[in-house]
Amino acid sequence: MGVSGSGKSSVAAALAARLGWDLAEGDDLHSPANVAKMAAGRPLTDDDRTPWLARVADWIDAELAAGHGAVVTCSALRRSYRDVLRRPAVLFVHLDGPRDLLAARLGARQGHFMPVALLDSQLATLEPPGPHERAVRVGIDQPLAAQVDAIIQALGADDSSQDTKPV
């Protein structure tokens, strides 16, 4: 989880590859209307996000039912959004970093629907996970491999055994 530009896709792909787990890109679960709205520079509302979060939750439930270890990217900016996704086996990984780094990453991206102009609205919406949530904060100002190592440590997973513990 995290705002746009925090590295969710890159970290998730590296984590899933290291653990041999299934991967879903939450952006792919957005409706065409949501994608068009964001591409036009308009932030999503809770009404826009509700069906999207339901699709992400359905994917999580299917992976859990199949007994698969899995990784899904999702901004999950508010606690209420995470509540839709929360399951006992789910660990939220909050990829967090300074605004200037996030803006630089967004500015360098090619072919993505999320414009830099929406970064401040995402930061304003963000409710970092509280101590009562099953979550870990990972700083994005470190190398990708270090981020993945920190997540694997938080999971208690062993990437050498291709652990299938669902998350």
N, C-alpha and C. Protein backbone atom coordinates (compact mmCIF):
# COMPACT_ATOMS: atom_id res chain seq x y z
N MET A 1 0.84 -1.18 0.00
CA MET A 1 0.00 0.00 0.00
C MET A 1 0.88 1.23 0.00
N GLY A 2 0.29 2.32 -0.45
CA GLY A 2 0.99 3.59 -0.47
C GLY A 2 0.47 4.46 -1.59
N VAL A 3 0.91 5.69 -1.59
CA VAL A 3 0.48 6.63 -2.63
C VAL A 3 1.15 6.26 -3.95
N SER A 4 0.64 6.84 -5.00
CA SER A 4 1.22 6.61 -6.32
C SER A 4 2.68 7.07 -6.31
N GLY A 5 3.54 6.27 -6.92
CA GLY A 5 4.96 6.58 -6.96
C GLY A 5 5.76 5.98 -5.83
N SER A 6 5.09 5.30 -4.90
CA SER A 6 5.81 4.72 -3.77
C SER A 6 6.53 3.42 -4.12
N GLY A 7 6.26 2.88 -5.29
CA GLY A 7 6.96 1.67 -5.73
C GLY A 7 6.18 0.39 -5.50
N LYS A 8 4.88 0.50 -5.34
CA LYS A 8 4.08 -0.69 -5.06
C LYS A 8 4.29 -1.78 -6.11
N SER A 9 4.22 -1.43 -7.37
CA SER A 9 4.34 -2.43 -8.43
C SER A 9 5.71 -3.08 -8.45
N SER A 10 6.75 -2.27 -8.33
CA SER A 10 8.12 -2.81 -8.37
C SER A 10 8.40 -3.70 -7.16
N VAL A 11 8.02 -3.23 -5.98
CA VAL A 11 8.27 -4.01 -4.76
C VAL A 11 7.44 -5.29 -4.79
N ALA A 12 6.17 -5.18 -5.18
CA ALA A 12 5.30 -6.36 -5.22
C ALA A 12 5.83 -7.41 -6.19
N ALA A 13 6.28 -6.98 -7.37
CA ALA A 13 6.81 -7.92 -8.36
C ALA A 13 8.06 -8.62 -7.82
N ALA A 14 8.94 -7.85 -7.20
CA ALA A 14 10.17 -8.44 -6.65
C ALA A 14 9.86 -9.39 -5.50
N LEU A 15 8.93 -9.00 -4.64
CA LEU A 15 8.54 -9.85 -3.51
C LEU A 15 7.89 -11.14 -4.00
N ALA A 16 6.94 -11.03 -4.92
CA ALA A 16 6.27 -12.22 -5.44
C ALA A 16 7.27 -13.16 -6.13
N ALA A 17 8.21 -12.59 -6.87
CA ALA A 17 9.22 -13.41 -7.54
C ALA A 17 10.10 -14.13 -6.52
N ARG A 18 10.54 -13.43 -5.50
CA ARG A 18 11.40 -14.05 -4.48
C ARG A 18 10.70 -15.17 -3.74
N LEU A 19 9.40 -14.99 -3.46
CA LEU A 19 8.67 -15.99 -2.69
C LEU A 19 7.94 -17.01 -3.55
N GLY A 20 7.87 -16.79 -4.86
CA GLY A 20 7.15 -17.69 -5.73
C GLY A 20 5.64 -17.60 -5.54
N TRP A 21 5.17 -16.41 -5.18
CA TRP A 21 3.75 -16.19 -4.89
C TRP A 21 3.04 -15.57 -6.08
N ASP A 22 1.71 -15.70 -6.08
CA ASP A 22 0.88 -15.05 -7.08
C ASP A 22 0.91 -13.54 -6.88
N LEU A 23 0.68 -12.80 -7.95
CA LEU A 23 0.72 -11.34 -7.92
C LEU A 23 -0.44 -10.77 -8.70
N ALA A 24 -1.09 -9.77 -8.12
CA ALA A 24 -2.11 -9.00 -8.83
C ALA A 24 -1.77 -7.53 -8.72
N GLU A 25 -1.90 -6.83 -9.81
CA GLU A 25 -1.70 -5.39 -9.85
C GLU A 25 -3.06 -4.75 -9.63
N GLY A 26 -3.23 -4.09 -8.48
CA GLY A 26 -4.52 -3.49 -8.14
C GLY A 26 -5.01 -2.49 -9.17
N ASP A 27 -4.10 -1.78 -9.84
CA ASP A 27 -4.51 -0.82 -10.86
C ASP A 27 -5.28 -1.51 -11.99
N ASP A 28 -4.94 -2.78 -12.26
CA ASP A 28 -5.63 -3.51 -13.32
C ASP A 28 -7.07 -3.84 -12.95
N LEU A 29 -7.42 -3.72 -11.68
CA LEU A 29 -8.77 -4.01 -11.22
C LEU A 29 -9.67 -2.78 -11.20
N HIS A 30 -9.10 -1.61 -11.53
CA HIS A 30 -9.91 -0.39 -11.63
C HIS A 30 -10.82 -0.47 -12.84
N SER A 31 -11.97 0.14 -12.75
CA SER A 31 -12.87 0.23 -13.89
C SER A 31 -12.29 1.21 -14.92
N PRO A 32 -12.68 1.07 -16.18
CA PRO A 32 -12.23 2.05 -17.18
C PRO A 32 -12.63 3.48 -16.79
N ALA A 33 -13.78 3.64 -16.15
CA ALA A 33 -14.22 4.98 -15.73
C ALA A 33 -13.27 5.56 -14.68
N ASN A 34 -12.81 4.75 -13.74
CA ASN A 34 -11.85 5.22 -12.74
C ASN A 34 -10.54 5.63 -13.39
N VAL A 35 -10.05 4.80 -14.30
CA VAL A 35 -8.79 5.11 -14.99
C VAL A 35 -8.92 6.41 -15.76
N ALA A 36 -10.03 6.59 -16.46
CA ALA A 36 -10.24 7.82 -17.23
C ALA A 36 -10.32 9.03 -16.31
N LYS A 37 -10.96 8.88 -15.18
CA LYS A 37 -11.08 9.99 -14.24
C LYS A 37 -9.71 10.41 -13.72
N MET A 38 -8.90 9.43 -13.31
CA MET A 38 -7.56 9.76 -12.81
C MET A 38 -6.68 10.34 -13.92
N ALA A 39 -6.78 9.77 -15.12
CA ALA A 39 -5.97 10.26 -16.24
C ALA A 39 -6.31 11.71 -16.56
N ALA A 40 -7.56 12.10 -16.27
CA ALA A 40 -7.99 13.48 -16.50
C ALA A 40 -7.60 14.39 -15.34
N GLY A 41 -6.93 13.83 -14.32
CA GLY A 41 -6.46 14.65 -13.21
C GLY A 41 -7.49 14.85 -12.12
N ARG A 42 -8.55 14.04 -12.12
CA ARG A 42 -9.58 14.15 -11.09
C ARG A 42 -9.42 13.02 -10.09
N PRO A 43 -9.34 13.34 -8.80
CA PRO A 43 -9.19 12.29 -7.79
C PRO A 43 -10.45 11.44 -7.68
N LEU A 44 -10.26 10.20 -7.32
CA LEU A 44 -11.39 9.30 -7.10
C LEU A 44 -12.09 9.64 -5.80
N THR A 45 -13.37 9.38 -5.76
CA THR A 45 -14.17 9.53 -4.55
C THR A 45 -14.31 8.16 -3.89
N ASP A 46 -14.83 8.14 -2.69
CA ASP A 46 -15.10 6.86 -2.04
C ASP A 46 -16.08 6.03 -2.85
N ASP A 47 -17.05 6.67 -3.48
CA ASP A 47 -18.00 5.94 -4.33
C ASP A 47 -17.29 5.29 -5.52
N ASP A 48 -16.27 5.95 -6.06
CA ASP A 48 -15.48 5.37 -7.15
C ASP A 48 -14.67 4.18 -6.66
N ARG A 49 -14.16 4.29 -5.45
CA ARG A 49 -13.25 3.26 -4.93
C ARG A 49 -13.97 2.01 -4.43
N THR A 50 -15.22 2.15 -4.00
CA THR A 50 -15.93 1.02 -3.38
C THR A 50 -15.96 -0.24 -4.25
N PRO A 51 -16.39 -0.17 -5.52
CA PRO A 51 -16.39 -1.40 -6.32
C PRO A 51 -14.98 -1.92 -6.62
N TRP A 52 -14.03 -1.00 -6.73
CA TRP A 52 -12.64 -1.41 -6.96
C TRP A 52 -12.11 -2.18 -5.75
N LEU A 53 -12.33 -1.65 -4.56
CA LEU A 53 -11.88 -2.35 -3.35
C LEU A 53 -12.55 -3.71 -3.22
N ALA A 54 -13.81 -3.81 -3.63
CA ALA A 54 -14.51 -5.09 -3.59
C ALA A 54 -13.84 -6.09 -4.54
N ARG A 55 -13.39 -5.64 -5.71
CA ARG A 55 -12.69 -6.53 -6.64
C ARG A 55 -11.35 -6.98 -6.07
N VAL A 56 -10.63 -6.07 -5.41
CA VAL A 56 -9.36 -6.43 -4.77
C VAL A 56 -9.63 -7.45 -3.66
N ALA A 57 -10.65 -7.21 -2.85
CA ALA A 57 -11.00 -8.14 -1.76
C ALA A 57 -11.38 -9.51 -2.30
N ASP A 58 -12.13 -9.54 -3.40
CA ASP A 58 -12.51 -10.82 -4.02
C ASP A 58 -11.27 -11.58 -4.47
N TRP A 59 -10.29 -10.87 -5.02
CA TRP A 59 -9.05 -11.52 -5.45
C TRP A 59 -8.32 -12.11 -4.25
N ILE A 60 -8.24 -11.34 -3.16
CA ILE A 60 -7.60 -11.83 -1.94
C ILE A 60 -8.31 -13.08 -1.44
N ASP A 61 -9.63 -13.04 -1.38
CA ASP A 61 -10.40 -14.19 -0.90
C ASP A 61 -10.17 -15.43 -1.75
N ALA A 62 -10.09 -15.26 -3.06
CA ALA A 62 -9.84 -16.40 -3.94
C ALA A 62 -8.45 -17.00 -3.69
N GLU A 63 -7.47 -16.14 -3.49
CA GLU A 63 -6.11 -16.63 -3.20
C GLU A 63 -6.06 -17.36 -1.86
N LEU A 64 -6.71 -16.79 -0.85
CA LEU A 64 -6.75 -17.43 0.46
C LEU A 64 -7.46 -18.78 0.38
N ALA A 65 -8.58 -18.84 -0.34
CA ALA A 65 -9.33 -20.09 -0.47
C ALA A 65 -8.50 -21.16 -1.17
N ALA A 66 -7.66 -20.74 -2.09
CA ALA A 66 -6.80 -21.69 -2.81
C ALA A 66 -5.55 -22.05 -2.02
N GLY A 67 -5.31 -21.35 -0.90
CA GLY A 67 -4.14 -21.63 -0.08
C GLY A 67 -2.85 -21.09 -0.66
N HIS A 68 -2.96 -20.11 -1.53
CA HIS A 68 -1.78 -19.53 -2.17
C HIS A 68 -1.21 -18.39 -1.35
N GLY A 69 0.11 -18.29 -1.34
CA GLY A 69 0.75 -17.06 -0.91
C GLY A 69 0.57 -16.06 -2.04
N ALA A 70 0.29 -14.82 -1.72
CA ALA A 70 -0.03 -13.87 -2.78
C ALA A 70 0.32 -12.45 -2.37
N VAL A 71 0.52 -11.62 -3.39
CA VAL A 71 0.81 -10.21 -3.21
C VAL A 71 -0.13 -9.44 -4.13
N VAL A 72 -0.77 -8.40 -3.60
CA VAL A 72 -1.61 -7.54 -4.41
C VAL A 72 -1.26 -6.09 -4.09
N THR A 73 -1.15 -5.28 -5.13
CA THR A 73 -0.90 -3.86 -4.92
C THR A 73 -2.23 -3.14 -4.79
N CYS A 74 -2.27 -2.20 -3.90
CA CYS A 74 -3.48 -1.40 -3.68
C CYS A 74 -3.06 -0.19 -2.86
N SER A 75 -3.52 0.98 -3.23
CA SER A 75 -3.13 2.17 -2.47
C SER A 75 -3.58 2.08 -1.02
N ALA A 76 -4.80 1.59 -0.78
CA ALA A 76 -5.31 1.37 0.59
C ALA A 76 -5.02 2.56 1.50
N LEU A 77 -5.31 3.75 1.00
CA LEU A 77 -4.89 4.97 1.67
C LEU A 77 -5.58 5.21 3.01
N ARG A 78 -6.84 4.84 3.12
CA ARG A 78 -7.58 5.08 4.36
C ARG A 78 -7.78 3.78 5.12
N ARG A 79 -7.94 3.93 6.44
CA ARG A 79 -8.21 2.75 7.25
C ARG A 79 -9.49 2.07 6.79
N SER A 80 -10.50 2.85 6.45
CA SER A 80 -11.76 2.25 6.01
C SER A 80 -11.56 1.42 4.74
N TYR A 81 -10.63 1.81 3.86
CA TYR A 81 -10.34 1.01 2.67
C TYR A 81 -9.65 -0.29 3.09
N ARG A 82 -8.70 -0.17 4.03
CA ARG A 82 -8.01 -1.37 4.50
C ARG A 82 -8.96 -2.30 5.22
N ASP A 83 -9.97 -1.75 5.88
CA ASP A 83 -10.96 -2.59 6.55
C ASP A 83 -11.67 -3.51 5.56
N VAL A 84 -11.89 -3.04 4.34
CA VAL A 84 -12.52 -3.86 3.30
C VAL A 84 -11.60 -5.03 2.94
N LEU A 85 -10.31 -4.81 2.99
CA LEU A 85 -9.31 -5.80 2.57
C LEU A 85 -8.76 -6.64 3.71
N ARG A 86 -8.99 -6.20 4.92
CA ARG A 86 -8.39 -6.83 6.09
C ARG A 86 -8.88 -8.27 6.26
N ARG A 87 -7.93 -9.16 6.40
CA ARG A 87 -8.17 -10.57 6.71
C ARG A 87 -7.09 -10.95 7.72
N PRO A 88 -7.32 -11.97 8.56
CA PRO A 88 -6.28 -12.33 9.54
C PRO A 88 -4.92 -12.62 8.90
N ALA A 89 -4.90 -13.15 7.70
CA ALA A 89 -3.64 -13.52 7.05
C ALA A 89 -3.01 -12.38 6.25
N VAL A 90 -3.66 -11.22 6.18
CA VAL A 90 -3.16 -10.11 5.37
C VAL A 90 -2.23 -9.22 6.19
N LEU A 91 -1.06 -8.97 5.63
CA LEU A 91 -0.12 -7.99 6.18
C LEU A 91 -0.09 -6.82 5.22
N PHE A 92 -0.39 -5.63 5.72
CA PHE A 92 -0.29 -4.42 4.90
C PHE A 92 1.16 -3.93 4.98
N VAL A 93 1.73 -3.67 3.82
CA VAL A 93 3.08 -3.13 3.73
C VAL A 93 2.95 -1.69 3.24
N HIS A 94 3.21 -0.74 4.13
CA HIS A 94 3.08 0.68 3.78
C HIS A 94 4.42 1.16 3.24
N LEU A 95 4.48 1.39 1.94
CA LEU A 95 5.67 1.94 1.31
C LEU A 95 5.59 3.46 1.46
N ASP A 96 6.55 4.01 2.17
CA ASP A 96 6.46 5.40 2.60
C ASP A 96 7.75 6.14 2.30
N GLY A 97 7.60 7.38 1.89
CA GLY A 97 8.78 8.20 1.63
C GLY A 97 8.42 9.66 1.48
N PRO A 98 9.44 10.50 1.33
CA PRO A 98 9.22 11.95 1.25
C PRO A 98 8.53 12.35 -0.06
N ARG A 99 7.76 13.43 0.03
CA ARG A 99 6.99 13.92 -1.12
C ARG A 99 7.88 14.19 -2.33
N ASP A 100 9.06 14.79 -2.12
CA ASP A 100 9.91 15.13 -3.25
C ASP A 100 10.36 13.88 -4.01
N LEU A 101 10.65 12.80 -3.31
CA LEU A 101 11.03 11.55 -3.96
C LEU A 101 9.83 10.97 -4.72
N LEU A 102 8.65 10.99 -4.10
CA LEU A 102 7.44 10.50 -4.76
C LEU A 102 7.16 11.29 -6.03
N ALA A 103 7.24 12.61 -5.95
CA ALA A 103 6.98 13.47 -7.11
C ALA A 103 7.99 13.21 -8.23
N ALA A 104 9.25 13.03 -7.87
CA ALA A 104 10.28 12.74 -8.88
C ALA A 104 10.00 11.43 -9.58
N ARG A 105 9.60 10.42 -8.81
CA ARG A 105 9.27 9.13 -9.41
C ARG A 105 8.08 9.24 -10.35
N LEU A 106 7.05 9.96 -9.92
CA LEU A 106 5.87 10.12 -10.77
C LEU A 106 6.21 10.87 -12.04
N GLY A 107 7.05 11.90 -11.91
CA GLY A 107 7.44 12.69 -13.07
C GLY A 107 8.25 11.89 -14.09
N ALA A 108 8.94 10.87 -13.64
CA ALA A 108 9.78 10.06 -14.52
C ALA A 108 9.02 8.91 -15.17
N ARG A 109 7.81 8.63 -14.69
CA ARG A 109 7.06 7.48 -15.23
C ARG A 109 6.53 7.78 -16.62
N GLN A 110 6.55 6.76 -17.44
CA GLN A 110 6.02 6.86 -18.80
C GLN A 110 4.81 5.95 -18.93
N GLY A 111 3.75 6.45 -19.56
CA GLY A 111 2.62 5.61 -19.91
C GLY A 111 1.72 5.21 -18.76
N HIS A 112 1.75 5.90 -17.64
CA HIS A 112 0.88 5.58 -16.51
C HIS A 112 -0.21 6.63 -16.42
N PHE A 113 -1.41 6.21 -16.02
CA PHE A 113 -2.56 7.12 -16.01
C PHE A 113 -2.55 8.11 -14.85
N MET A 114 -1.73 7.91 -13.84
CA MET A 114 -1.77 8.74 -12.64
C MET A 114 -0.83 9.94 -12.79
N PRO A 115 -1.38 11.16 -12.89
CA PRO A 115 -0.52 12.33 -13.05
C PRO A 115 0.05 12.81 -11.71
N VAL A 116 1.19 13.49 -11.79
CA VAL A 116 1.83 14.06 -10.61
C VAL A 116 0.86 14.99 -9.86
N ALA A 117 -0.04 15.62 -10.60
CA ALA A 117 -0.96 16.58 -10.00
C ALA A 117 -1.85 15.97 -8.91
N LEU A 118 -2.04 14.65 -8.93
CA LEU A 118 -2.89 14.01 -7.93
C LEU A 118 -2.13 13.56 -6.68
N LEU A 119 -0.81 13.73 -6.68
CA LEU A 119 -0.02 13.28 -5.53
C LEU A 119 -0.48 13.95 -4.23
N ASP A 120 -0.66 15.25 -4.25
CA ASP A 120 -1.05 15.94 -3.02
C ASP A 120 -2.41 15.49 -2.50
N SER A 121 -3.34 15.18 -3.41
CA SER A 121 -4.64 14.69 -2.94
C SER A 121 -4.49 13.31 -2.31
N GLN A 122 -3.59 12.48 -2.85
CA GLN A 122 -3.36 11.17 -2.25
C GLN A 122 -2.70 11.31 -0.88
N LEU A 123 -1.72 12.21 -0.78
CA LEU A 123 -1.05 12.41 0.51
C LEU A 123 -2.03 12.95 1.55
N ALA A 124 -2.96 13.80 1.11
CA ALA A 124 -3.97 14.34 2.04
C ALA A 124 -4.94 13.25 2.49
N THR A 125 -5.20 12.28 1.63
CA THR A 125 -6.12 11.19 1.94
C THR A 125 -5.46 10.12 2.81
N LEU A 126 -4.15 9.98 2.69
CA LEU A 126 -3.43 8.91 3.37
C LEU A 126 -3.61 8.93 4.89
N GLU A 127 -4.04 7.80 5.42
CA GLU A 127 -4.07 7.55 6.86
C GLU A 127 -3.11 6.40 7.11
N PRO A 128 -1.88 6.68 7.53
CA PRO A 128 -0.93 5.60 7.75
C PRO A 128 -1.50 4.57 8.73
N PRO A 129 -1.14 3.31 8.53
CA PRO A 129 -1.64 2.28 9.44
C PRO A 129 -1.26 2.57 10.88
N GLY A 130 -2.19 2.31 11.77
CA GLY A 130 -1.96 2.51 13.19
C GLY A 130 -1.35 1.28 13.84
N PRO A 131 -0.95 1.40 15.10
CA PRO A 131 -0.30 0.29 15.79
C PRO A 131 -1.21 -0.92 15.98
N HIS A 132 -2.52 -0.72 15.90
CA HIS A 132 -3.47 -1.82 16.06
C HIS A 132 -3.69 -2.59 14.76
N GLU A 133 -3.13 -2.11 13.64
CA GLU A 133 -3.29 -2.78 12.36
C GLU A 133 -2.09 -3.70 12.12
N ARG A 134 -2.34 -4.81 11.43
CA ARG A 134 -1.25 -5.72 11.06
C ARG A 134 -0.58 -5.12 9.83
N ALA A 135 0.46 -4.33 10.11
CA ALA A 135 1.11 -3.58 9.04
C ALA A 135 2.57 -3.33 9.41
N VAL A 136 3.35 -3.11 8.36
CA VAL A 136 4.75 -2.74 8.53
C VAL A 136 5.03 -1.57 7.59
N ARG A 137 5.80 -0.60 8.07
CA ARG A 137 6.23 0.53 7.25
C ARG A 137 7.59 0.21 6.67
N VAL A 138 7.73 0.42 5.36
CA VAL A 138 9.00 0.21 4.68
C VAL A 138 9.35 1.50 3.96
N GLY A 139 10.52 2.04 4.24
CA GLY A 139 10.98 3.27 3.60
C GLY A 139 11.38 3.03 2.17
N ILE A 140 10.95 3.93 1.29
CA ILE A 140 11.26 3.78 -0.14
C ILE A 140 12.59 4.41 -0.51
N ASP A 141 13.27 4.98 0.47
CA ASP A 141 14.56 5.62 0.21
C ASP A 141 15.73 4.65 0.39
N GLN A 142 15.43 3.37 0.24
CA GLN A 142 16.46 2.34 0.31
C GLN A 142 16.34 1.46 -0.94
N PRO A 143 17.37 0.69 -1.25
CA PRO A 143 17.31 -0.14 -2.46
C PRO A 143 16.13 -1.12 -2.43
N LEU A 144 15.66 -1.48 -3.61
CA LEU A 144 14.54 -2.40 -3.75
C LEU A 144 14.79 -3.70 -2.99
N ALA A 145 15.98 -4.27 -3.12
CA ALA A 145 16.28 -5.53 -2.43
C ALA A 145 16.16 -5.39 -0.92
N ALA A 146 16.56 -4.26 -0.38
CA ALA A 146 16.44 -4.03 1.06
C ALA A 146 14.97 -3.92 1.48
N GLN A 147 14.16 -3.30 0.63
CA GLN A 147 12.73 -3.21 0.91
C GLN A 147 12.11 -4.61 0.96
N VAL A 148 12.45 -5.43 -0.03
CA VAL A 148 11.92 -6.80 -0.08
C VAL A 148 12.41 -7.61 1.11
N ASP A 149 13.67 -7.46 1.47
CA ASP A 149 14.20 -8.15 2.65
C ASP A 149 13.42 -7.78 3.90
N ALA A 150 13.12 -6.50 4.06
CA ALA A 150 12.38 -6.03 5.24
C ALA A 150 10.98 -6.64 5.28
N ILE A 151 10.35 -6.76 4.13
CA ILE A 151 9.00 -7.34 4.07
C ILE A 151 9.05 -8.83 4.39
N ILE A 152 10.01 -9.53 3.83
CA ILE A 152 10.15 -10.96 4.10
C ILE A 152 10.40 -11.19 5.58
N GLN A 153 11.21 -10.35 6.18
CA GLN A 153 11.46 -10.46 7.62
C GLN A 153 10.17 -10.22 8.40
N ALA A 154 9.40 -9.21 8.03
CA ALA A 154 8.14 -8.92 8.72
C ALA A 154 7.14 -10.05 8.57
N LEU A 155 7.16 -10.72 7.42
CA LEU A 155 6.27 -11.84 7.18
C LEU A 155 6.69 -13.09 7.94
N GLY A 156 7.97 -13.14 8.28
CA GLY A 156 8.49 -14.37 8.87
C GLY A 156 8.59 -15.46 7.82
N ALA A 157 8.65 -15.06 6.55
CA ALA A 157 8.71 -16.01 5.45
C ALA A 157 10.16 -16.35 5.13
N ASP A 158 10.35 -17.50 4.54
CA ASP A 158 11.67 -17.96 4.12
C ASP A 158 11.65 -18.07 2.61
N ASP A 159 12.30 -17.13 1.94
CA ASP A 159 12.24 -17.14 0.48
C ASP A 159 13.00 -18.29 -0.15
N SER A 160 13.83 -18.99 0.60
CA SER A 160 14.53 -20.13 0.02
C SER A 160 13.65 -21.36 -0.06
N SER A 161 12.55 -21.38 0.70
CA SER A 161 11.68 -22.56 0.68
C SER A 161 10.43 -22.35 -0.15
N GLN A 162 10.28 -21.18 -0.81
CA GLN A 162 9.08 -20.86 -1.56
C GLN A 162 7.84 -21.05 -0.70
N ASP A 163 7.92 -20.52 0.51
CA ASP A 163 6.84 -20.62 1.50
C ASP A 163 5.50 -20.25 0.87
N THR A 164 4.44 -20.95 1.22
CA THR A 164 3.12 -20.68 0.66
C THR A 164 2.17 -20.07 1.67
N LYS A 165 2.69 -19.52 2.74
CA LYS A 165 1.84 -18.85 3.73
C LYS A 165 1.11 -17.68 3.07
N PRO A 166 -0.23 -17.69 3.11
CA PRO A 166 -0.94 -16.57 2.46
C PRO A 166 -0.76 -15.26 3.21
N VAL A 167 -0.74 -14.17 2.44
CA VAL A 167 -0.72 -12.83 3.01
C VAL A 167 -1.74 -11.97 2.32
